[in-house]
C-alpha atoms as a PDB file:
ATOM      1  CA  MET A   1     118.153  55.974 130.580  1.00  0.00           C
ATOM      2  CA  THR A   2     115.376  54.892 128.241  1.00  0.00           C
ATOM      3  CA  LYS A   3     116.941  53.603 125.035  1.00  0.00           C
ATOM      4  CA  ILE A   4     113.934  53.734 122.696  1.00  0.00           C
ATOM      5  CA  SER A   5     110.538  55.389 122.991  1.00  0.00           C
ATOM      6  CA  ILE A   6     108.007  53.574 120.816  1.00  0.00           C
ATOM      7  CA  ILE A   7     105.002  55.699 119.844  1.00  0.00           C
ATOM      8  CA  VAL A   8     101.890  53.732 118.845  1.00  0.00           C
ATOM      9  CA  PRO A   9      98.875  55.697 117.525  1.00  0.00           C
ATOM     10  CA  ILE A  10      95.636  53.782 118.119  1.00  0.00           C
ATOM     11  CA  TYR A  11      92.321  54.254 116.375  1.00  0.00           C
ATOM     12  CA  ASN A  12      89.670  51.512 116.117  1.00  0.00           C
ATOM     13  CA  VAL A  13      92.049  48.580 115.679  1.00  0.00           C
ATOM     14  CA  GLU A  14      90.646  46.173 118.253  1.00  0.00           C
ATOM     15  CA  LYS A  15      91.092  43.241 115.846  1.00  0.00           C
ATOM     16  CA  TYR A  16      94.850  43.808 115.513  1.00  0.00           C
ATOM     17  CA  LEU A  17      95.920  45.649 118.644  1.00  0.00           C
ATOM     18  CA  LYS A  18      96.746  42.750 120.975  1.00  0.00           C
ATOM     19  CA  ARG A  19      99.087  41.152 118.451  1.00  0.00           C
ATOM     20  CA  SER A  20     100.835  44.483 117.905  1.00  0.00           C
ATOM     21  CA  LEU A  21     101.230  45.254 121.615  1.00  0.00           C
ATOM     22  CA  ASP A  22     102.316  41.712 122.467  1.00  0.00           C
ATOM     23  CA  SER A  23     105.140  42.084 119.969  1.00  0.00           C
ATOM     24  CA  LEU A  24     106.254  45.293 121.699  1.00  0.00           C
ATOM     25  CA  VAL A  25     106.045  44.273 125.365  1.00  0.00           C
ATOM     26  CA  ASN A  26     108.016  41.121 124.545  1.00  0.00           C
ATOM     27  CA  GLN A  27     111.015  42.896 123.022  1.00  0.00           C
ATOM     28  CA  THR A  28     114.400  41.547 124.087  1.00  0.00           C
ATOM     29  CA  LEU A  29     115.788  45.092 124.442  1.00  0.00           C
ATOM     30  CA  GLU A  30     115.468  46.404 127.975  1.00  0.00           C
ATOM     31  CA  ASP A  31     114.879  50.046 128.888  1.00  0.00           C
ATOM     32  CA  ILE A  32     112.235  50.818 126.301  1.00  0.00           C
ATOM     33  CA  GLU A  33     109.020  52.752 126.808  1.00  0.00           C
ATOM     34  CA  ILE A  34     105.833  52.169 124.844  1.00  0.00           C
ATOM     35  CA  ILE A  35     103.643  55.242 124.415  1.00  0.00           C
ATOM     36  CA  LEU A  36     100.095  54.370 123.372  1.00  0.00           C
ATOM     37  CA  VAL A  37      98.166  57.291 121.904  1.00  0.00           C
ATOM     38  CA  ASP A  38      94.438  56.600 121.774  1.00  0.00           C
ATOM     39  CA  ASP A  39      93.257  58.906 119.014  1.00  0.00           C
ATOM     40  CA  GLY A  40      89.601  58.921 120.048  1.00  0.00           C
ATOM     41  CA  SER A  41      88.817  55.250 119.414  1.00  0.00           C
ATOM     42  CA  THR A  42      85.142  54.266 119.485  1.00  0.00           C
ATOM     43  CA  ASP A  43      85.627  50.493 119.609  1.00  0.00           C
ATOM     44  CA  ASN A  44      87.280  48.321 122.279  1.00  0.00           C
ATOM     45  CA  SER A  45      90.790  49.585 121.517  1.00  0.00           C
ATOM     46  CA  HIS A  46      90.972  51.844 124.576  1.00  0.00           C
ATOM     47  CA  LYS A  47      90.060  49.007 126.942  1.00  0.00           C
ATOM     48  CA  ILE A  48      92.733  46.796 125.389  1.00  0.00           C
ATOM     49  CA  ALA A  49      95.305  49.572 125.746  1.00  0.00           C
ATOM     50  CA  GLU A  50      94.261  50.119 129.372  1.00  0.00           C
ATOM     51  CA  ASP A  51      94.912  46.448 130.135  1.00  0.00           C
ATOM     52  CA  TYR A  52      98.475  46.702 128.823  1.00  0.00           C
ATOM     53  CA  LYS A  53      99.067  49.894 130.766  1.00  0.00           C
ATOM     54  CA  GLU A  54      97.949  48.144 133.967  1.00  0.00           C
ATOM     55  CA  ASN A  55     100.091  45.065 133.380  1.00  0.00           C
ATOM     56  CA  TYR A  56     103.339  46.553 132.060  1.00  0.00           C
ATOM     57  CA  SER A  57     105.234  49.282 133.897  1.00  0.00           C
ATOM     58  CA  ASN A  58     106.883  50.579 130.698  1.00  0.00           C
ATOM     59  CA  VAL A  59     103.566  51.214 128.930  1.00  0.00           C
ATOM     60  CA  LEU A  60     102.091  54.716 129.015  1.00  0.00           C
ATOM     61  CA  LEU A  61      98.578  55.428 127.705  1.00  0.00           C
ATOM     62  CA  VAL A  62      97.525  58.931 126.681  1.00  0.00           C
ATOM     63  CA  THR A  63      94.199  59.898 125.166  1.00  0.00           C
ATOM     64  CA  LYS A  64      93.217  62.679 122.782  1.00  0.00           C
ATOM     65  CA  GLU A  65      90.409  63.688 120.474  1.00  0.00           C
ATOM     66  CA  ASN A  66      90.551  62.158 117.026  1.00  0.00           C
ATOM     67  CA  GLY A  67      92.980  64.034 114.812  1.00  0.00           C
ATOM     68  CA  GLY A  68      94.456  61.398 112.552  1.00  0.00           C
ATOM     69  CA  LEU A  69      97.716  59.460 112.383  1.00  0.00           C
ATOM     70  CA  SER A  70     100.054  62.451 112.099  1.00  0.00           C
ATOM     71  CA  ASP A  71      98.401  64.299 114.954  1.00  0.00           C
ATOM     72  CA  ALA A  72      98.627  61.222 117.194  1.00  0.00           C
ATOM     73  CA  ARG A  73     102.327  60.736 116.403  1.00  0.00           C
ATOM     74  CA  ASN A  74     103.058  64.402 117.096  1.00  0.00           C
ATOM     75  CA  PHE A  75     101.097  64.203 120.339  1.00  0.00           C
ATOM     76  CA  GLY A  76     103.052  61.153 121.481  1.00  0.00           C
ATOM     77  CA  LEU A  77     106.397  62.837 120.846  1.00  0.00           C
ATOM     78  CA  GLN A  78     105.942  65.188 123.796  1.00  0.00           C
ATOM     79  CA  TYR A  79     105.937  62.200 126.183  1.00  0.00           C
ATOM     80  CA  ALA A  80     109.022  60.500 124.730  1.00  0.00           C
ATOM     81  CA  SER A  81     112.180  60.381 126.844  1.00  0.00           C
ATOM     82  CA  GLY A  82     114.211  57.798 124.937  1.00  0.00           C
ATOM     83  CA  GLU A  83     117.554  58.207 123.242  1.00  0.00           C
ATOM     84  CA  TYR A  84     115.819  57.059 120.058  1.00  0.00           C
ATOM     85  CA  ILE A  85     112.235  57.378 118.797  1.00  0.00           C
ATOM     86  CA  ALA A  86     110.217  54.767 116.918  1.00  0.00           C
ATOM     87  CA  PHE A  87     106.742  54.891 115.375  1.00  0.00           C
ATOM     88  CA  ILE A  88     104.791  51.647 115.058  1.00  0.00           C
ATOM     89  CA  ASP A  89     101.339  51.435 113.498  1.00  0.00           C
ATOM     90  CA  SER A  90      98.886  49.603 115.717  1.00  0.00           C
ATOM     91  CA  ASP A  91      97.804  47.077 113.082  1.00  0.00           C
ATOM     92  CA  ASP A  92     101.405  46.005 112.404  1.00  0.00           C
ATOM     93  CA  TYR A  93     103.649  43.861 114.602  1.00  0.00           C
ATOM     94  CA  VAL A  94     107.384  43.351 114.974  1.00  0.00           C
ATOM     95  CA  GLU A  95     109.903  40.616 115.631  1.00  0.00           C
ATOM     96  CA  SER A  96     110.958  40.259 119.259  1.00  0.00           C
ATOM     97  CA  GLN A  97     114.637  41.130 118.660  1.00  0.00           C
ATOM     98  CA  MET A  98     114.079  43.993 116.222  1.00  0.00           C
ATOM     99  CA  PHE A  99     114.705  46.931 118.524  1.00  0.00           C
ATOM    100  CA  GLU A 100     117.684  45.263 120.181  1.00  0.00           C
ATOM    101  CA  ARG A 101     119.318  44.672 116.796  1.00  0.00           C
ATOM    102  CA  MET A 102     118.599  48.223 115.667  1.00  0.00           C
ATOM    103  CA  TYR A 103     119.860  49.795 118.886  1.00  0.00           C
ATOM    104  CA  ASN A 104     123.054  47.733 118.700  1.00  0.00           C
ATOM    105  CA  LEU A 105     123.738  49.328 115.310  1.00  0.00           C
ATOM    106  CA  SER A 106     123.529  52.864 116.726  1.00  0.00           C
ATOM    107  CA  GLU A 107     127.261  53.007 117.551  1.00  0.00           C
ATOM    108  CA  ASN A 108     126.621  54.590 120.948  1.00  0.00           C
ATOM    109  CA  GLY A 109     124.298  57.198 119.494  1.00  0.00           C
ATOM    110  CA  ARG A 110     126.410  58.197 116.496  1.00  0.00           C
ATOM    111  CA  LYS A 111     123.803  56.999 113.995  1.00  0.00           C
ATOM    112  CA  LYS A 112     120.856  59.311 113.393  1.00  0.00           C
ATOM    113  CA  ILE A 113     118.635  56.764 111.643  1.00  0.00           C
ATOM    114  CA  ILE A 114     118.607  52.982 111.879  1.00  0.00           C
ATOM    115  CA  GLU A 115     116.123  51.128 109.729  1.00  0.00           C
ATOM    116  CA  SER A 116     114.914  47.558 109.520  1.00  0.00           C
ATOM    117  CA  ASN A 117     113.698  45.433 106.658  1.00  0.00           C
ATOM    118  CA  PHE A 118     110.062  44.361 106.609  1.00  0.00           C
ATOM    119  CA  LEU A 119     107.485  41.952 105.277  1.00  0.00           C
ATOM    120  CA  TRP A 120     104.436  43.014 103.285  1.00  0.00           C
ATOM    121  CA  GLU A 121     101.753  40.788 104.818  1.00  0.00           C
ATOM    122  CA  PHE A 122      98.806  40.328 102.446  1.00  0.00           C
ATOM    123  CA  PRO A 123      95.828  38.031 103.140  1.00  0.00           C
ATOM    124  CA  ASP A 124      97.070  35.535 100.531  1.00  0.00           C
ATOM    125  CA  LYS A 125     100.849  36.027 100.447  1.00  0.00           C
ATOM    126  CA  ASN A 126     103.878  37.658 102.051  1.00  0.00           C
ATOM    127  CA  VAL A 127     106.480  39.726 100.198  1.00  0.00           C
ATOM    128  CA  LYS A 128     109.895  40.576 101.639  1.00  0.00           C
ATOM    129  CA  ASP A 129     111.254  44.124 101.333  1.00  0.00           C
ATOM    130  CA  VAL A 130     114.976  43.713 101.954  1.00  0.00           C
ATOM    131  CA  VAL A 131     117.911  46.119 101.663  1.00  0.00           C
ATOM    132  CA  LYS A 132     121.465  45.378 102.793  1.00  0.00           C
ATOM    133  CA  LYS A 133     122.904  48.892 102.735  1.00  0.00           C
ATOM    134  CA  TYR A 134     122.877  52.251 100.971  1.00  0.00           C
ATOM    135  CA  ASN A 135     126.040  53.649  99.424  1.00  0.00           C
ATOM    136  CA  SER A 136     125.148  57.345  99.386  1.00  0.00           C
ATOM    137  CA  LEU A 137     122.416  59.782 100.398  1.00  0.00           C
ATOM    138  CA  ASN A 138     121.591  60.126  96.710  1.00  0.00           C
ATOM    139  CA  GLU A 139     120.903  56.395  96.557  1.00  0.00           C
ATOM    140  CA  TYR A 140     118.925  56.616  99.787  1.00  0.00           C
ATOM    141  CA  LEU A 141     116.635  59.238  98.271  1.00  0.00           C
ATOM    142  CA  VAL A 142     116.089  57.088  95.189  1.00  0.00           C
ATOM    143  CA  LYS A 143     115.752  53.668  96.820  1.00  0.00           C
ATOM    144  CA  GLY A 144     115.111  54.278 100.526  1.00  0.00           C
ATOM    145  CA  ARG A 145     111.831  53.173 102.097  1.00  0.00           C
ATOM    146  CA  VAL A 146     109.879  56.358 102.818  1.00  0.00           C
ATOM    147  CA  VAL A 147     107.813  54.813 105.623  1.00  0.00           C
ATOM    148  CA  ALA A 148     108.294  56.030 109.196  1.00  0.00           C
ATOM    149  CA  TRP A 149     107.564  52.748 110.995  1.00  0.00           C
ATOM    150  CA  ASN A 150     110.667  50.715 110.066  1.00  0.00           C
ATOM    151  CA  LYS A 151     113.157  53.139 111.626  1.00  0.00           C
ATOM    152  CA  ILE A 152     114.440  54.520 114.889  1.00  0.00           C
ATOM    153  CA  TYR A 153     115.513  58.155 115.006  1.00  0.00           C
ATOM    154  CA  LYS A 154     118.005  59.929 117.252  1.00  0.00           C
ATOM    155  CA  LYS A 155     115.751  62.029 119.480  1.00  0.00           C
ATOM    156  CA  SER A 156     118.190  64.863 120.134  1.00  0.00           C
ATOM    157  CA  TRP A 157     118.586  65.248 116.372  1.00  0.00           C
ATOM    158  CA  LEU A 158     114.833  65.299 115.769  1.00  0.00           C
ATOM    159  CA  ASP A 159     114.458  67.888 118.520  1.00  0.00           C
ATOM    160  CA  THR A 160     116.854  70.266 116.747  1.00  0.00           C
ATOM    161  CA  LEU A 161     114.947  69.903 113.467  1.00  0.00           C
ATOM    162  CA  ASP A 162     111.628  70.700 115.139  1.00  0.00           C
ATOM    163  CA  PHE A 163     109.398  69.473 112.341  1.00  0.00           C
ATOM    164  CA  LYS A 164     106.342  67.318 112.749  1.00  0.00           C
ATOM    165  CA  PHE A 165     104.178  65.054 110.644  1.00  0.00           C
ATOM    166  CA  PRO A 166     101.716  67.125 108.550  1.00  0.00           C
ATOM    167  CA  VAL A 167      98.304  66.903 110.189  1.00  0.00           C
ATOM    168  CA  GLY A 168      95.245  65.997 108.139  1.00  0.00           C
ATOM    169  CA  ARG A 169      97.158  64.705 105.110  1.00  0.00           C
ATOM    170  CA  LEU A 170      97.791  61.323 103.589  1.00  0.00           C
ATOM    171  CA  TYR A 171     101.352  60.466 102.479  1.00  0.00           C
ATOM    172  CA  GLU A 172     102.657  62.019 105.706  1.00  0.00           C
ATOM    173  CA  ASP A 173     105.602  59.615 105.837  1.00  0.00           C
ATOM    174  CA  GLN A 174     106.980  60.958 102.566  1.00  0.00           C
ATOM    175  CA  ASP A 175     106.999  64.490 103.966  1.00  0.00           C
ATOM    176  CA  PHE A 176     108.860  63.288 107.066  1.00  0.00           C
ATOM    177  CA  PHE A 177     111.348  61.172 105.094  1.00  0.00           C
ATOM    178  CA  PHE A 178     112.466  63.774 102.564  1.00  0.00           C
ATOM    179  CA  LYS A 179     112.816  66.512 105.169  1.00  0.00           C
ATOM    180  CA  MET A 180     114.933  64.229 107.342  1.00  0.00           C
ATOM    181  CA  VAL A 181     117.288  63.367 104.491  1.00  0.00           C
ATOM    182  CA  ALA A 182     117.751  67.079 103.757  1.00  0.00           C
ATOM    183  CA  ASN A 183     119.310  67.354 107.239  1.00  0.00           C
ATOM    184  CA  LEU A 184     121.770  64.472 106.936  1.00  0.00           C
ATOM    185  CA  GLN A 185     125.428  65.117 106.127  1.00  0.00           C
ATOM    186  CA  ASN A 186     126.480  61.702 104.828  1.00  0.00           C
ATOM    187  CA  ILE A 187     125.312  58.120 104.479  1.00  0.00           C
ATOM    188  CA  GLU A 188     127.371  57.052 107.509  1.00  0.00           C
ATOM    189  CA  GLU A 189     124.660  58.570 109.697  1.00  0.00           C
ATOM    190  CA  ILE A 190     122.306  55.758 108.609  1.00  0.00           C
ATOM    191  CA  ALA A 191     122.512  52.071 109.509  1.00  0.00           C
ATOM    192  CA  VAL A 192     120.456  49.171 108.141  1.00  0.00           C
ATOM    193  CA  ASP A 193     119.500  46.037 110.040  1.00  0.00           C
ATOM    194  CA  ASP A 194     119.309  43.438 107.279  1.00  0.00           C
ATOM    195  CA  HIS A 195     116.857  41.206 109.163  1.00  0.00           C
ATOM    196  CA  ILE A 196     113.098  41.280 108.687  1.00  0.00           C
ATOM    197  CA  GLY A 197     111.777  43.350 111.594  1.00  0.00           C
ATOM    198  CA  VAL A 198     108.292  44.652 110.826  1.00  0.00           C
ATOM    199  CA  HIS A 199     105.227  42.779 109.614  1.00  0.00           C
ATOM    200  CA  TYR A 200     103.442  45.398 107.500  1.00  0.00           C
ATOM    201  CA  VAL A 201      99.851  44.191 107.560  1.00  0.00           C
ATOM    202  CA  GLN A 202      97.807  45.051 104.473  1.00  0.00           C
ATOM    203  CA  ARG A 203      94.082  45.482 105.018  1.00  0.00           C
ATOM    204  CA  SER A 204      91.586  46.688 102.447  1.00  0.00           C
ATOM    205  CA  ASN A 205      89.691  48.937 104.860  1.00  0.00           C
ATOM    206  CA  SER A 206      92.690  51.066 105.811  1.00  0.00           C
ATOM    207  CA  ILE A 207      92.825  54.824 105.217  1.00  0.00           C
ATOM    208  CA  SER A 208      95.283  54.576 102.331  1.00  0.00           C
ATOM    209  CA  TYR A 209      92.980  52.236 100.435  1.00  0.00           C
ATOM    210  CA  ASN A 210      89.682  54.025 100.942  1.00  0.00           C
ATOM    211  CA  GLU A 211      89.971  57.802 101.128  1.00  0.00           C
ATOM    212  CA  SER A 212      89.832  58.465  97.390  1.00  0.00           C
ATOM    213  CA  THR A 213      89.078  62.157  97.744  1.00  0.00           C
ATOM    214  CA  ARG A 214      92.388  62.631  99.597  1.00  0.00           C
ATOM    215  CA  ILE A 215      94.568  61.278  96.801  1.00  0.00           C
ATOM    216  CA  ARG A 216      95.225  64.925  95.961  1.00  0.00           C
ATOM    217  CA  ASP A 217      97.115  65.226  99.252  1.00  0.00           C
ATOM    218  CA  ILE A 218     100.174  63.946  97.383  1.00  0.00           C
ATOM    219  CA  PHE A 219     100.401  67.259  95.508  1.00  0.00           C
ATOM    220  CA  TRP A 220     100.320  69.201  98.790  1.00  0.00           C
ATOM    221  CA  ILE A 221     102.982  66.918 100.276  1.00  0.00           C
ATOM    222  CA  TYR A 222     105.324  67.261  97.302  1.00  0.00           C
ATOM    223  CA  ASN A 223     104.865  71.030  97.191  1.00  0.00           C
ATOM    224  CA  ASP A 224     105.658  71.178 100.913  1.00  0.00           C
ATOM    225  CA  ILE A 225     108.851  69.160 100.434  1.00  0.00           C
ATOM    226  CA  ILE A 226     109.958  71.241  97.450  1.00  0.00           C
ATOM    227  CA  GLU A 227     109.366  74.433  99.435  1.00  0.00           C
ATOM    228  CA  TYR A 228     111.296  73.045 102.420  1.00  0.00           C
ATOM    229  CA  TYR A 229     114.279  72.282 100.207  1.00  0.00           C
ATOM    230  CA  ARG A 230     114.063  75.753  98.640  1.00  0.00           C
ATOM    231  CA  VAL A 231     113.908  77.574 101.983  1.00  0.00           C
ATOM    232  CA  HIS A 232     116.792  75.541 103.407  1.00  0.00           C
ATOM    233  CA  LYS A 233     118.828  75.923 100.198  1.00  0.00           C
ATOM    234  CA  VAL A 234     119.145  72.181  99.595  1.00  0.00           C
ATOM    235  CA  THR A 235     119.900  72.006  95.865  1.00  0.00           C
ATOM    236  CA  CYS A 236     121.929  68.814  95.476  1.00  0.00           C
ATOM    237  CA  TYR A 237     119.074  66.326  95.120  1.00  0.00           C
ATOM    238  CA  LYS A 238     117.024  67.660  92.186  1.00  0.00           C
ATOM    239  CA  ASP A 239     117.449  64.533  90.037  1.00  0.00           C
ATOM    240  CA  GLU A 240     116.632  62.240  92.930  1.00  0.00           C
ATOM    241  CA  MET A 241     113.468  64.097  93.880  1.00  0.00           C
ATOM    242  CA  GLU A 242     112.306  64.384  90.278  1.00  0.00           C
ATOM    243  CA  TYR A 243     112.766  60.653  89.769  1.00  0.00           C
ATOM    244  CA  ARG A 244     111.204  59.602  93.064  1.00  0.00           C
ATOM    245  CA  PHE A 245     108.198  61.927  92.855  1.00  0.00           C
ATOM    246  CA  THR A 246     107.456  61.072  89.231  1.00  0.00           C
ATOM    247  CA  ARG A 247     107.870  57.363  89.846  1.00  0.00           C
ATOM    248  CA  ASN A 248     105.446  57.486  92.749  1.00  0.00           C
ATOM    249  CA  LEU A 249     102.858  59.573  90.910  1.00  0.00           C
ATOM    250  CA  LEU A 250     102.887  57.377  87.817  1.00  0.00           C
ATOM    251  CA  GLY A 251     103.295  54.147  89.756  1.00  0.00           C
ATOM    252  CA  ASN A 252     101.807  53.901  93.219  1.00  0.00           C
ATOM    253  CA  VAL A 253      99.304  56.752  92.957  1.00  0.00           C
ATOM    254  CA  LEU A 254      98.159  56.149  89.377  1.00  0.00           C
ATOM    255  CA  ILE A 255      98.008  52.355  89.389  1.00  0.00           C
ATOM    256  CA  ARG A 256      97.113  51.563  93.010  1.00  0.00           C
ATOM    257  CA  LYS A 257      94.807  54.509  93.691  1.00  0.00           C
ATOM    258  CA  VAL A 258      93.508  56.399  90.651  1.00  0.00           C
ATOM    259  CA  LEU A 259      92.763  53.588  88.212  1.00  0.00           C
ATOM    260  CA  LYS A 260      90.845  51.717  90.915  1.00  0.00           C
ATOM    261  CA  GLN A 261      88.359  54.558  91.355  1.00  0.00           C
ATOM    262  CA  LYS A 262      84.807  53.653  90.387  1.00  0.00           C
ATOM    263  CA  ASP A 263      83.778  57.279  89.870  1.00  0.00           C
ATOM    264  CA  ARG A 264      84.769  57.905  86.237  1.00  0.00           C
ATOM    265  CA  LYS A 265      84.561  61.682  86.592  1.00  0.00           C
ATOM    266  CA  LEU A 266      86.907  61.638  89.593  1.00  0.00           C
ATOM    267  CA  LYS A 267      89.228  59.228  87.804  1.00  0.00           C
ATOM    268  CA  ARG A 268      89.441  61.516  84.778  1.00  0.00           C
ATOM    269  CA  GLU A 269      90.082  64.560  86.976  1.00  0.00           C
ATOM    270  CA  LEU A 270      92.888  62.819  88.875  1.00  0.00           C
ATOM    271  CA  LEU A 271      94.527  61.549  85.691  1.00  0.00           C
ATOM    272  CA  SER A 272      94.521  65.097  84.342  1.00  0.00           C
ATOM    273  CA  GLU A 273      95.903  66.525  87.594  1.00  0.00           C
ATOM    274  CA  ILE A 274      98.751  63.994  87.769  1.00  0.00           C
ATOM    275  CA  LYS A 275      99.753  64.746  84.189  1.00  0.00           C
ATOM    276  CA  SER A 276      99.512  68.494  84.777  1.00  0.00           C
ATOM    277  CA  TYR A 277     101.563  68.325  87.984  1.00  0.00           C
ATOM    278  CA  ILE A 278     104.365  66.380  86.310  1.00  0.00           C
ATOM    279  CA  ASP A 279     104.358  68.576  83.188  1.00  0.00           C
ATOM    280  CA  THR A 280     104.553  71.710  85.343  1.00  0.00           C
ATOM    281  CA  ASN A 281     107.096  70.622  87.955  1.00  0.00           C
ATOM    282  CA  PHE A 282     109.174  68.008  86.125  1.00  0.00           C
ATOM    283  CA  PRO A 283     108.880  68.743  82.396  1.00  0.00           C
ATOM    284  CA  ASN A 284     112.176  67.008  81.588  1.00  0.00           C
ATOM    285  CA  TRP A 285     111.688  63.920  83.749  1.00  0.00           C
ATOM    286  CA  LYS A 286     112.105  61.506  80.837  1.00  0.00           C
ATOM    287  CA  ARG A 287     115.739  62.595  80.610  1.00  0.00           C
ATOM    288  CA  ASN A 288     116.370  61.888  84.290  1.00  0.00           C
ATOM    289  CA  LYS A 289     119.656  60.046  84.741  1.00  0.00           C
ATOM    290  CA  TYR A 290     118.106  57.380  86.968  1.00  0.00           C
ATOM    291  CA  LEU A 291     115.863  56.234  84.131  1.00  0.00           C
ATOM    292  CA  SER A 292     118.939  54.842  82.384  1.00  0.00           C
ATOM    293  CA  GLU A 293     119.187  52.043  84.947  1.00  0.00           C
ATOM    294  CA  ARG A 294     117.682  48.778  83.741  1.00  0.00           C
ATOM    295  CA  SER A 295     114.686  47.807  85.841  1.00  0.00           C
ATOM    296  CA  LYS A 296     111.036  46.866  85.431  1.00  0.00           C
ATOM    297  CA  GLN A 297     110.026  50.126  87.084  1.00  0.00           C
ATOM    298  CA  ASN A 298     112.010  52.204  84.626  1.00  0.00           C
ATOM    299  CA  LEU A 299     110.688  50.266  81.658  1.00  0.00           C
ATOM    300  CA  TYR A 300     107.199  51.038  82.895  1.00  0.00           C
ATOM    301  CA  LEU A 301     108.005  54.741  83.447  1.00  0.00           C
ATOM    302  CA  LYS A 302     109.395  55.139  79.934  1.00  0.00           C
ATOM    303  CA  ARG A 303     106.116  53.909  78.496  1.00  0.00           C
ATOM    304  CA  VAL A 304     103.632  55.336  80.917  1.00  0.00           C
ATOM    305  CA  ASN A 305     103.388  58.926  79.654  1.00  0.00           C
ATOM    306  CA  SER A 306     101.739  57.901  76.393  1.00  0.00           C
ATOM    307  CA  ILE A 307      99.602  55.432  78.331  1.00  0.00           C
ATOM    308  CA  THR A 308      98.442  58.246  80.602  1.00  0.00           C
ATOM    309  CA  TYR A 309      97.285  60.229  77.568  1.00  0.00           C
ATOM    310  CA  LYS A 310      95.327  57.232  76.309  1.00  0.00           C
ATOM    311  CA  LEU A 311      93.777  56.644  79.705  1.00  0.00           C
ATOM    312  CA  PHE A 312      92.800  60.296  79.916  1.00  0.00           C
ATOM    313  CA  TYR A 313      90.868  60.140  76.665  1.00  0.00           C
ATOM    314  CA  LEU A 314      89.487  56.681  77.434  1.00  0.00           C
ATOM    315  CA  TYR A 315      87.939  57.789  80.707  1.00  0.00           C
END
């Protein structure tokens, strides 16, 4: 039986693809399949993928019209036969023992999610993102890494949930992460490999850095998650979601995306929309219990609301 199916969406990554695929075909874990999904590449990526398909019996190549990362992941899922599913981005690469270590933590399939630590790989430096363990699902919602590509997922469990990555939206991993956690019963269903497994390559021309007009997708994603929790009557994580959503909007989205916009009109609009979204959905966020923890992030969050007002009038 195939132990892990690794789904790799590919779109115009000829510069990075060989390194990524080399790291996958050289895994120490046997009985894995590597599903390459060419999402309508127009560069040499398809030819590179074809070469790996010809040379490795566990590599499958499927081709589709361009539909974006989520669509490619969803498309690849229909070909997966493994006990576990993994998603690896085609510009990232992994350590050779990563999947073996993760699979060995599965406790013969009892774990639903196993995640690995990773390395942020910038052009001028590397930054480790390391977690040893999580003590509760509440803590996992507050501190867990929302990315899809550092985890393996029990396929039979995913099949029963029958949800997919949202097509045509940025921040798709957050949608996937929060919906998954809503379907976990306890923290014992998650395991953490405390080694560095994934090299998360940062490049300035990636989608997340450049598509400024799609920053608003975060509002759609959060509304979708909130609605999912409402429909499925998941009411026990209100504080965690309020804290995590607000922290991301005022941190990652505001600082890394909005304030870097050169279009002052767009910048002003986005600042106003972030403030309005938080005021409407999380009016009492400053009293959130997780803000009482001492951290640099919380110190920033306690100050940022007044800063946002100043920025709004400045721009």
